[in-house]
Protein backbone atom coordinates (compact mmCIF):
# COMPACT_ATOMS: atom_id res chain seq x y z
CA MET A 1 -23.07 9.06 0.03
CA LYS A 2 -24.52 8.08 3.20
CA THR A 3 -23.00 8.09 6.87
CA PRO A 4 -23.04 4.93 8.45
CA ALA A 5 -25.89 6.09 10.42
CA GLU A 6 -27.83 7.31 7.62
CA CYS A 7 -27.88 3.93 6.30
CA MET A 8 -31.39 2.18 7.47
CA THR A 9 -30.91 -1.39 5.40
CA MET A 10 -28.54 -3.87 4.51
CA ALA A 11 -29.02 -2.51 1.02
CA ASP A 12 -27.91 0.89 1.99
CA ILE A 13 -24.72 -0.63 3.78
CA ARG A 14 -24.17 -2.87 0.70
CA ALA A 15 -24.50 -0.13 -1.61
CA GLU A 16 -21.97 2.50 0.48
CA ILE A 17 -19.27 -0.43 0.89
CA ASP A 18 -19.63 -1.39 -2.74
CA ARG A 19 -18.93 2.57 -3.37
CA LEU A 20 -16.31 2.63 -1.17
CA ASP A 21 -14.52 -0.50 -2.71
CA ALA A 22 -14.73 1.05 -5.89
CA GLU A 23 -12.46 4.29 -4.46
CA LEU A 24 -10.20 1.99 -2.87
CA VAL A 25 -9.43 0.21 -6.02
CA ALA A 26 -8.96 3.27 -7.72
CA LEU A 27 -6.43 4.69 -5.13
CA PHE A 28 -4.44 1.76 -5.32
CA ALA A 29 -4.46 2.17 -8.82
CA ALA A 30 -3.01 5.60 -8.31
CA ARG A 31 -0.36 3.90 -5.90
CA THR A 32 0.62 1.33 -8.47
CA GLY A 33 1.50 3.90 -11.23
CA TYR A 34 4.22 5.45 -8.54
CA ILE A 35 5.06 2.18 -7.81
CA ASP A 36 5.81 1.54 -11.68
CA ARG A 37 7.65 5.14 -11.75
CA ALA A 38 9.97 4.05 -8.54
CA ALA A 39 10.99 0.81 -10.63
CA GLU A 40 11.79 3.12 -13.55
CA ILE A 41 14.08 5.37 -11.51
CA LYS A 42 15.43 2.63 -9.21
CA THR A 43 16.62 1.27 -12.59
CA GLY A 44 18.23 4.32 -13.47
CA VAL A 45 20.33 4.72 -10.19
CA GLY A 46 20.76 1.31 -9.37
CA LEU A 47 18.56 0.68 -6.91
CA PRO A 48 17.01 -2.76 -5.58
CA ALA A 49 13.01 -3.15 -5.39
CA ARG A 50 13.42 -3.64 -1.81
CA ILE A 51 14.42 -1.13 0.60
CA GLY A 52 14.50 -2.04 4.12
CA ASP A 53 14.37 1.09 5.40
CA ARG A 54 11.82 2.50 3.32
CA VAL A 55 9.30 -0.44 4.50
CA GLU A 56 9.82 0.32 7.98
CA GLN A 57 8.85 4.01 7.27
CA VAL A 58 5.86 3.36 5.13
CA VAL A 59 4.67 0.93 8.06
CA ALA A 60 5.51 3.23 10.66
CA ASN A 61 3.36 5.69 8.69
CA VAL A 62 0.70 3.33 8.16
CA ARG A 63 0.69 2.35 11.90
CA ARG A 64 0.54 6.47 13.06
CA HIS A 65 -2.30 6.70 10.43
CA ALA A 66 -4.27 3.44 11.85
CA GLU A 67 -4.01 5.03 15.33
CA GLY A 68 -5.47 8.84 14.28
CA HIS A 69 -8.30 6.84 12.72
CA GLY A 70 -8.81 4.88 15.62
CA LEU A 71 -8.36 1.13 13.85
CA PRO A 72 -5.67 -1.52 14.94
CA PRO A 73 -2.22 -0.89 14.08
CA ASP A 74 -1.19 -4.30 13.98
CA LYS A 75 -3.97 -5.18 11.66
CA LEU A 76 -3.39 -2.59 9.12
CA GLU A 77 0.51 -3.34 9.37
CA LYS A 78 -0.21 -6.64 8.33
CA LEU A 79 -2.20 -5.48 5.61
CA TRP A 80 0.60 -3.04 4.34
CA ARG A 81 3.16 -5.64 4.47
CA LYS A 82 1.03 -7.39 1.73
CA LEU A 83 0.71 -4.66 -0.07
CA ILE A 84 4.30 -3.46 0.30
CA ASP A 85 5.56 -6.96 -1.14
CA TRP A 86 3.18 -7.09 -4.26
CA SER A 87 4.36 -3.89 -4.98
CA ILE A 88 7.93 -4.99 -4.54
CA GLU A 89 6.96 -8.22 -6.81
CA ARG A 90 5.61 -5.70 -9.29
CA GLU A 91 9.17 -3.69 -9.30
CA GLU A 92 10.70 -6.77 -9.77
CA THR A 93 9.39 -7.27 -13.12
CA VAL A 94 11.63 -4.13 -14.11
CA LEU A 95 14.43 -4.73 -11.90
CA GLY A 96 15.00 -7.85 -11.58
CA LYS A 97 14.82 -10.23 -8.56
CA ASP A 98 16.74 -8.57 -5.16
CA ASP A 99 20.02 -10.49 -4.68
CA GLY A 100 19.70 -10.01 -0.98
CA HIS A 101 20.82 -6.69 -0.72
CA ASP A 102 18.25 -4.63 0.86
CA GLY A 103 19.50 -1.17 -0.41
CA SER A 104 20.12 0.22 3.46
CA GLY A 105 23.51 0.81 2.61
CA ASP A 106 24.73 -2.12 4.77
């Protein structure tokens, strides 16, 4: 592993980006395991895939982490909302489509 400053060629940069992409995919796979388990648990307790309060909590966490790393929180929020939507769609394959209820107790 090289730091960005240690990369002297585009080949070095590309190798490090490819390495990081592989790590990111592995992390997304691990996250997906938790999404699948959440769907199983939600089935047993009658919760919908989309729980509005939790979505906003996840987004707030991501924004805070983005700021802490000097990244633009608005851009990361946009990316994460797509990830959340994908995760909810995945849960819905187990739970069925939401009926408009967001699980927030409203």
